[in-house]
């Protein structure tokens, strides 16, 4: 077995112009429809978790002087974090449905083309 030839072919494949298939285009559209919702939900969820932790630190006296005002401030900040984390998933669902509606026509048309091509290939075999 000529390993040098196999290695050379694998390197050549990396530099060869790539054909974009319909399936690759469909995957890209699917990611484009879902990406804004994912980015928002991860970012917003992380920030709200930090708010919750900050509120807990104030309430338990790890930050601040441990006075009544610090406990109240910590409870308010922590409450905002809990509320934000609680509404994160419904907001994600709304953003996801908007993204799906935006790309629905293109995805459906491309999926029909792919499924028609697949059935045509099966008939010819």
C-alpha atoms as a PDB file:
ATOM      1  CA  UNK A   1       0.000   0.000   0.000  1.00  0.00           C
ATOM      2  CA  UNK A   2       1.389   3.361  -1.013  1.00  0.00           C
ATOM      3  CA  UNK A   3       0.824   5.635   1.996  1.00  0.00           C
ATOM      4  CA  UNK A   4       2.492   8.609   0.307  1.00  0.00           C
ATOM      5  CA  UNK A   5      -0.104   8.520  -2.458  1.00  0.00           C
ATOM      6  CA  UNK A   6      -2.984   8.343   0.038  1.00  0.00           C
ATOM      7  CA  UNK A   7      -1.508  11.208   2.049  1.00  0.00           C
ATOM      8  CA  UNK A   8      -1.019  13.336  -1.072  1.00  0.00           C
ATOM      9  CA  UNK A   9      -4.608  12.722  -2.162  1.00  0.00           C
ATOM     10  CA  UNK A  10      -5.962  13.701   1.242  1.00  0.00           C
ATOM     11  CA  UNK A  11      -4.025  16.970   1.139  1.00  0.00           C
ATOM     12  CA  UNK A  12      -5.158  17.646  -2.422  1.00  0.00           C
ATOM     13  CA  UNK A  13      -8.795  17.204  -1.359  1.00  0.00           C
ATOM     14  CA  UNK A  14      -8.394  20.033   1.136  1.00  0.00           C
ATOM     15  CA  UNK A  15      -7.382  22.456  -1.607  1.00  0.00           C
ATOM     16  CA  UNK A  16      -9.759  21.304  -4.311  1.00  0.00           C
ATOM     17  CA  UNK A  17     -12.779  23.516  -4.984  1.00  0.00           C
ATOM     18  CA  UNK A  18     -15.702  22.183  -3.030  1.00  0.00           C
ATOM     19  CA  UNK A  19     -19.074  21.617  -4.595  1.00  0.00           C
ATOM     20  CA  UNK A  20     -21.946  22.912  -2.554  1.00  0.00           C
ATOM     21  CA  UNK A  21     -24.645  20.338  -2.407  1.00  0.00           C
ATOM     22  CA  UNK A  22     -28.294  20.989  -1.760  1.00  0.00           C
ATOM     23  CA  UNK A  23     -28.053  19.155   1.534  1.00  0.00           C
ATOM     24  CA  UNK A  24     -25.251  21.461   2.681  1.00  0.00           C
ATOM     25  CA  UNK A  25     -27.338  24.482   1.713  1.00  0.00           C
ATOM     26  CA  UNK A  26     -30.291  23.040   3.640  1.00  0.00           C
ATOM     27  CA  UNK A  27     -28.135  22.565   6.742  1.00  0.00           C
ATOM     28  CA  UNK A  28     -26.866  26.160   6.455  1.00  0.00           C
ATOM     29  CA  UNK A  29     -30.412  27.499   6.216  1.00  0.00           C
ATOM     30  CA  UNK A  30     -31.445  25.425   9.220  1.00  0.00           C
ATOM     31  CA  UNK A  31     -28.546  26.798  11.269  1.00  0.00           C
ATOM     32  CA  UNK A  32     -29.342  30.341  10.125  1.00  0.00           C
ATOM     33  CA  UNK A  33     -32.923  29.929  11.308  1.00  0.00           C
ATOM     34  CA  UNK A  34     -31.892  28.684  14.753  1.00  0.00           C
ATOM     35  CA  UNK A  35     -28.726  30.691  15.447  1.00  0.00           C
ATOM     36  CA  UNK A  36     -30.245  34.011  16.670  1.00  0.00           C
ATOM     37  CA  UNK A  37     -32.455  32.229  19.201  1.00  0.00           C
ATOM     38  CA  UNK A  38     -29.549  30.144  20.489  1.00  0.00           C
ATOM     39  CA  UNK A  39     -27.192  33.099  20.806  1.00  0.00           C
ATOM     40  CA  UNK A  40     -29.789  35.136  22.669  1.00  0.00           C
ATOM     41  CA  UNK A  41     -30.810  32.346  25.024  1.00  0.00           C
ATOM     42  CA  UNK A  42     -27.238  31.441  25.976  1.00  0.00           C
ATOM     43  CA  UNK A  43     -26.259  35.083  26.501  1.00  0.00           C
ATOM     44  CA  UNK A  44     -29.392  36.114  28.363  1.00  0.00           C
ATOM     45  CA  UNK A  45     -29.392  32.960  30.486  1.00  0.00           C
ATOM     46  CA  UNK A  46     -25.765  33.473  31.470  1.00  0.00           C
ATOM     47  CA  UNK A  47     -26.362  37.090  32.430  1.00  0.00           C
ATOM     48  CA  UNK A  48     -29.444  36.230  34.473  1.00  0.00           C
ATOM     49  CA  UNK A  49     -27.526  33.460  36.253  1.00  0.00           C
ATOM     50  CA  UNK A  50     -24.867  35.998  37.180  1.00  0.00           C
ATOM     51  CA  UNK A  51     -27.586  38.327  38.523  1.00  0.00           C
ATOM     52  CA  UNK A  52     -28.949  35.475  40.633  1.00  0.00           C
ATOM     53  CA  UNK A  53     -25.493  34.714  42.006  1.00  0.00           C
ATOM     54  CA  UNK A  54     -24.785  38.371  42.714  1.00  0.00           C
ATOM     55  CA  UNK A  55     -28.072  38.664  44.571  1.00  0.00           C
ATOM     56  CA  UNK A  56     -27.253  35.582  46.625  1.00  0.00           C
ATOM     57  CA  UNK A  57     -23.866  37.057  47.528  1.00  0.00           C
ATOM     58  CA  UNK A  58     -25.481  40.288  48.738  1.00  0.00           C
ATOM     59  CA  UNK A  59     -28.209  38.449  50.635  1.00  0.00           C
ATOM     60  CA  UNK A  60     -25.794  36.114  52.426  1.00  0.00           C
ATOM     61  CA  UNK A  61     -23.339  38.892  53.271  1.00  0.00           C
ATOM     62  CA  UNK A  62     -20.446  37.716  51.113  1.00  0.00           C
ATOM     63  CA  UNK A  63     -20.606  41.125  49.418  1.00  0.00           C
ATOM     64  CA  UNK A  64     -21.658  44.172  51.368  1.00  0.00           C
ATOM     65  CA  UNK A  65     -21.892  44.685  55.093  1.00  0.00           C
ATOM     66  CA  UNK A  66     -24.631  42.117  55.833  1.00  0.00           C
ATOM     67  CA  UNK A  67     -27.119  44.769  56.862  1.00  0.00           C
ATOM     68  CA  UNK A  68     -30.844  44.637  56.232  1.00  0.00           C
ATOM     69  CA  UNK A  69     -30.475  46.907  53.195  1.00  0.00           C
ATOM     70  CA  UNK A  70     -27.883  44.547  51.719  1.00  0.00           C
ATOM     71  CA  UNK A  71     -30.207  41.571  52.220  1.00  0.00           C
ATOM     72  CA  UNK A  72     -33.089  43.426  50.553  1.00  0.00           C
ATOM     73  CA  UNK A  73     -30.858  44.541  47.677  1.00  0.00           C
ATOM     74  CA  UNK A  74     -29.624  40.976  47.257  1.00  0.00           C
ATOM     75  CA  UNK A  75     -33.177  39.645  47.262  1.00  0.00           C
ATOM     76  CA  UNK A  76     -34.229  42.128  44.584  1.00  0.00           C
ATOM     77  CA  UNK A  77     -31.223  41.422  42.371  1.00  0.00           C
ATOM     78  CA  UNK A  78     -31.610  37.665  42.874  1.00  0.00           C
ATOM     79  CA  UNK A  79     -35.330  37.907  42.138  1.00  0.00           C
ATOM     80  CA  UNK A  80     -34.574  39.660  38.847  1.00  0.00           C
ATOM     81  CA  UNK A  81     -32.147  36.855  38.027  1.00  0.00           C
ATOM     82  CA  UNK A  82     -34.768  34.196  38.794  1.00  0.00           C
ATOM     83  CA  UNK A  83     -37.413  35.969  36.717  1.00  0.00           C
ATOM     84  CA  UNK A  84     -34.976  36.438  33.831  1.00  0.00           C
ATOM     85  CA  UNK A  85     -33.955  32.776  33.901  1.00  0.00           C
ATOM     86  CA  UNK A  86     -37.630  31.807  34.046  1.00  0.00           C
ATOM     87  CA  UNK A  87     -38.613  33.774  30.954  1.00  0.00           C
ATOM     88  CA  UNK A  88     -35.529  32.748  28.981  1.00  0.00           C
ATOM     89  CA  UNK A  89     -37.079  29.590  27.516  1.00  0.00           C
ATOM     90  CA  UNK A  90     -40.353  31.242  26.393  1.00  0.00           C
ATOM     91  CA  UNK A  91     -38.342  34.041  24.740  1.00  0.00           C
ATOM     92  CA  UNK A  92     -36.181  31.386  23.052  1.00  0.00           C
ATOM     93  CA  UNK A  93     -39.308  29.682  21.683  1.00  0.00           C
ATOM     94  CA  UNK A  94     -40.637  32.973  20.286  1.00  0.00           C
ATOM     95  CA  UNK A  95     -37.317  33.812  18.614  1.00  0.00           C
ATOM     96  CA  UNK A  96     -37.019  30.273  17.246  1.00  0.00           C
ATOM     97  CA  UNK A  97     -40.497  30.389  15.726  1.00  0.00           C
ATOM     98  CA  UNK A  98     -39.697  33.761  14.114  1.00  0.00           C
ATOM     99  CA  UNK A  99     -36.512  32.327  12.625  1.00  0.00           C
ATOM    100  CA  UNK A 100     -38.353  29.275  11.349  1.00  0.00           C
ATOM    101  CA  UNK A 101     -41.042  31.460   9.759  1.00  0.00           C
ATOM    102  CA  UNK A 102     -38.379  33.624   8.128  1.00  0.00           C
ATOM    103  CA  UNK A 103     -36.634  30.690   6.445  1.00  0.00           C
ATOM    104  CA  UNK A 104     -39.577  28.285   6.122  1.00  0.00           C
ATOM    105  CA  UNK A 105     -40.239  28.851   2.416  1.00  0.00           C
ATOM    106  CA  UNK A 106     -36.607  28.442   1.359  1.00  0.00           C
ATOM    107  CA  UNK A 107     -36.117  25.362   3.545  1.00  0.00           C
ATOM    108  CA  UNK A 108     -39.303  23.706   2.316  1.00  0.00           C
ATOM    109  CA  UNK A 109     -38.470  24.334  -1.348  1.00  0.00           C
ATOM    110  CA  UNK A 110     -34.954  23.009  -0.957  1.00  0.00           C
ATOM    111  CA  UNK A 111     -36.191  19.971   0.980  1.00  0.00           C
ATOM    112  CA  UNK A 112     -38.696  19.233  -1.811  1.00  0.00           C
ATOM    113  CA  UNK A 113     -35.920  19.451  -4.388  1.00  0.00           C
ATOM    114  CA  UNK A 114     -33.736  17.087  -2.378  1.00  0.00           C
ATOM    115  CA  UNK A 115     -36.541  14.597  -1.838  1.00  0.00           C
ATOM    116  CA  UNK A 116     -37.484  14.725  -5.550  1.00  0.00           C
ATOM    117  CA  UNK A 117     -33.852  14.169  -6.537  1.00  0.00           C
ATOM    118  CA  UNK A 118     -33.658  11.211  -4.169  1.00  0.00           C
ATOM    119  CA  UNK A 119     -36.798   9.598  -5.545  1.00  0.00           C
ATOM    120  CA  UNK A 120     -35.607  10.174  -9.117  1.00  0.00           C
ATOM    121  CA  UNK A 121     -32.300   8.447  -8.305  1.00  0.00           C
ATOM    122  CA  UNK A 122     -34.132   5.515  -6.743  1.00  0.00           C
ATOM    123  CA  UNK A 123     -36.400   5.119  -9.781  1.00  0.00           C
ATOM    124  CA  UNK A 124     -33.457   5.072 -12.200  1.00  0.00           C
ATOM    125  CA  UNK A 125     -31.699   2.366 -10.188  1.00  0.00           C
END
